[in-house]
Amino acid sequence: AAGDIIRANKISIELSVDEPQKVQKVQFWAKTYADGNWQMIGEVTRAPYKLDWSIPPDFGNRAIALTSHIYQKDGNVIKDPGGWREGIIILSDK
């Protein structure tokens, strides 16, 4: 949730999909506010659409945003369903 502070090397990110039979894959994306560049952090090809993200060191001690892109079997892509999840803080656990 926005404003969460994460003190771990891994977090679980999950996306609920109303009609999983129509989904080809879900991509998860993250960016730091310092550089503003989105990076794909993982892809899941079947339900449940859950990613256990090993947080890289360059995300430590930064505010980040998370989002997802849903690729449907009919070729449509739904980007940022529900909007970005902004303002998550990753604190290095070291």
C-alpha atoms as a PDB file:
ATOM      1  CA  ALA A   1       0.000   0.000   0.000  1.00  0.00           C
ATOM      2  CA  ALA A   2       1.103   3.601  -0.493  1.00  0.00           C
ATOM      3  CA  GLY A   3       3.288   4.720   2.363  1.00  0.00           C
ATOM      4  CA  ASP A   4       4.424   1.208   3.309  1.00  0.00           C
ATOM      5  CA  ILE A   5       7.983   0.888   4.514  1.00  0.00           C
ATOM      6  CA  ILE A   6       9.667  -2.349   3.477  1.00  0.00           C
ATOM      7  CA  ARG A   7      12.621  -3.611   5.513  1.00  0.00           C
ATOM      8  CA  ALA A   8      13.423  -6.816   3.662  1.00  0.00           C
ATOM      9  CA  ASN A   9      15.331  -8.220   0.710  1.00  0.00           C
ATOM     10  CA  LYS A  10      12.144  -9.654  -0.820  1.00  0.00           C
ATOM     11  CA  ILE A  11       8.508  -8.656  -1.118  1.00  0.00           C
ATOM     12  CA  SER A  12       5.498 -10.416  -2.606  1.00  0.00           C
ATOM     13  CA  ILE A  13       3.450  -8.506  -5.159  1.00  0.00           C
ATOM     14  CA  GLU A  14       0.111  -9.900  -6.292  1.00  0.00           C
ATOM     15  CA  LEU A  15      -2.454  -8.761  -8.842  1.00  0.00           C
ATOM     16  CA  SER A  16      -6.048 -10.001  -8.814  1.00  0.00           C
ATOM     17  CA  VAL A  17      -7.573 -10.498 -12.252  1.00  0.00           C
ATOM     18  CA  ASP A  18     -11.339 -10.812 -12.818  1.00  0.00           C
ATOM     19  CA  GLU A  19     -11.075 -13.144 -15.812  1.00  0.00           C
ATOM     20  CA  PRO A  20      -7.753 -15.045 -15.640  1.00  0.00           C
ATOM     21  CA  GLN A  21      -8.774 -17.289 -18.579  1.00  0.00           C
ATOM     22  CA  LYS A  22      -8.396 -14.215 -20.841  1.00  0.00           C
ATOM     23  CA  VAL A  23      -4.890 -13.340 -19.586  1.00  0.00           C
ATOM     24  CA  GLN A  24      -1.715 -14.386 -21.386  1.00  0.00           C
ATOM     25  CA  LYS A  25       0.709 -12.849 -18.871  1.00  0.00           C
ATOM     26  CA  VAL A  26       1.170 -10.135 -16.279  1.00  0.00           C
ATOM     27  CA  GLN A  27       4.308  -8.012 -16.059  1.00  0.00           C
ATOM     28  CA  PHE A  28       5.301  -6.186 -12.889  1.00  0.00           C
ATOM     29  CA  TRP A  29       7.218  -2.901 -13.129  1.00  0.00           C
ATOM     30  CA  ALA A  30       9.024  -0.649 -10.643  1.00  0.00           C
ATOM     31  CA  LYS A  31      10.767   2.712 -10.700  1.00  0.00           C
ATOM     32  CA  THR A  32      12.635   4.786  -8.179  1.00  0.00           C
ATOM     33  CA  TYR A  33      11.678   8.428  -7.863  1.00  0.00           C
ATOM     34  CA  ALA A  34      15.358   9.331  -8.057  1.00  0.00           C
ATOM     35  CA  ASP A  35      15.727   8.266 -11.705  1.00  0.00           C
ATOM     36  CA  GLY A  36      12.092   7.912 -12.824  1.00  0.00           C
ATOM     37  CA  ASN A  37      12.805   5.054 -15.235  1.00  0.00           C
ATOM     38  CA  TRP A  38      10.433   2.066 -15.204  1.00  0.00           C
ATOM     39  CA  GLN A  39      12.053  -1.373 -15.091  1.00  0.00           C
ATOM     40  CA  MET A  40      10.274  -4.679 -15.595  1.00  0.00           C
ATOM     41  CA  ILE A  41      10.933  -6.671 -12.436  1.00  0.00           C
ATOM     42  CA  GLY A  42       9.109  -9.869 -13.347  1.00  0.00           C
ATOM     43  CA  GLU A  43       6.533 -11.655 -15.420  1.00  0.00           C
ATOM     44  CA  VAL A  44       3.939 -14.291 -14.484  1.00  0.00           C
ATOM     45  CA  THR A  45       2.164 -16.395 -17.129  1.00  0.00           C
ATOM     46  CA  ARG A  46      -0.581 -18.038 -15.042  1.00  0.00           C
ATOM     47  CA  ALA A  47      -2.801 -17.361 -12.053  1.00  0.00           C
ATOM     48  CA  PRO A  48      -2.226 -16.539  -9.288  1.00  0.00           C
ATOM     49  CA  TYR A  49      -0.403 -13.497 -10.620  1.00  0.00           C
ATOM     50  CA  LYS A  50       2.084 -13.225  -7.788  1.00  0.00           C
ATOM     51  CA  LEU A  51       5.719 -12.195  -7.928  1.00  0.00           C
ATOM     52  CA  ASP A  52       8.228 -12.752  -5.136  1.00  0.00           C
ATOM     53  CA  TRP A  53      10.597  -9.890  -5.936  1.00  0.00           C
ATOM     54  CA  SER A  54      14.195 -10.037  -4.752  1.00  0.00           C
ATOM     55  CA  ILE A  55      14.874  -6.349  -4.297  1.00  0.00           C
ATOM     56  CA  PRO A  56      18.143  -5.309  -5.972  1.00  0.00           C
ATOM     57  CA  PRO A  57      20.594  -3.192  -3.963  1.00  0.00           C
ATOM     58  CA  ASP A  58      20.058  -0.119  -6.182  1.00  0.00           C
ATOM     59  CA  PHE A  59      16.454   0.073  -4.932  1.00  0.00           C
ATOM     60  CA  GLY A  60      17.554   0.186  -1.283  1.00  0.00           C
ATOM     61  CA  ASN A  61      16.861   3.332   0.719  1.00  0.00           C
ATOM     62  CA  ARG A  62      14.656   4.814  -1.997  1.00  0.00           C
ATOM     63  CA  ALA A  63      11.032   5.671  -2.599  1.00  0.00           C
ATOM     64  CA  ILE A  64       9.581   3.574  -5.409  1.00  0.00           C
ATOM     65  CA  ALA A  65       6.396   3.106  -7.406  1.00  0.00           C
ATOM     66  CA  LEU A  66       5.024  -0.241  -8.599  1.00  0.00           C
ATOM     67  CA  THR A  67       2.640  -1.056 -11.436  1.00  0.00           C
ATOM     68  CA  SER A  68       1.571  -3.925 -13.656  1.00  0.00           C
ATOM     69  CA  HIS A  69       0.691  -4.554 -17.281  1.00  0.00           C
ATOM     70  CA  ILE A  70      -1.852  -7.217 -18.224  1.00  0.00           C
ATOM     71  CA  TYR A  71      -1.354  -8.860 -21.618  1.00  0.00           C
ATOM     72  CA  GLN A  72      -4.584 -10.467 -22.783  1.00  0.00           C
ATOM     73  CA  LYS A  73      -4.819 -13.435 -25.148  1.00  0.00           C
ATOM     74  CA  ASP A  74      -6.725 -11.275 -27.671  1.00  0.00           C
ATOM     75  CA  GLY A  75      -3.716  -8.931 -28.027  1.00  0.00           C
ATOM     76  CA  ASN A  76      -4.975  -6.077 -25.811  1.00  0.00           C
ATOM     77  CA  VAL A  77      -2.652  -4.679 -23.179  1.00  0.00           C
ATOM     78  CA  ILE A  78      -3.968  -3.049 -20.024  1.00  0.00           C
ATOM     79  CA  LYS A  79      -1.272  -0.833 -18.519  1.00  0.00           C
ATOM     80  CA  ASP A  80      -1.426   0.401 -14.943  1.00  0.00           C
ATOM     81  CA  PRO A  81      -4.809  -1.122 -14.020  1.00  0.00           C
ATOM     82  CA  GLY A  82      -5.957   0.830 -11.002  1.00  0.00           C
ATOM     83  CA  GLY A  83      -2.998   3.223 -11.351  1.00  0.00           C
ATOM     84  CA  TRP A  84       0.485   3.138  -9.888  1.00  0.00           C
ATOM     85  CA  ARG A  85       1.102   2.028  -6.326  1.00  0.00           C
ATOM     86  CA  GLU A  86       3.111   5.041  -5.278  1.00  0.00           C
ATOM     87  CA  GLY A  87       5.168   5.998  -2.294  1.00  0.00           C
ATOM     88  CA  ILE A  88       6.499   2.653  -1.126  1.00  0.00           C
ATOM     89  CA  ILE A  89       9.787   3.066   0.716  1.00  0.00           C
ATOM     90  CA  ILE A  90      12.452   0.368   0.478  1.00  0.00           C
ATOM     91  CA  LEU A  91      14.892   0.475   3.352  1.00  0.00           C
ATOM     92  CA  SER A  92      18.007  -1.602   3.241  1.00  0.00           C
ATOM     93  CA  ASP A  93      17.907  -4.252   5.933  1.00  0.00           C
ATOM     94  CA  LYS A  94      21.690  -4.132   6.326  1.00  0.00           C
END
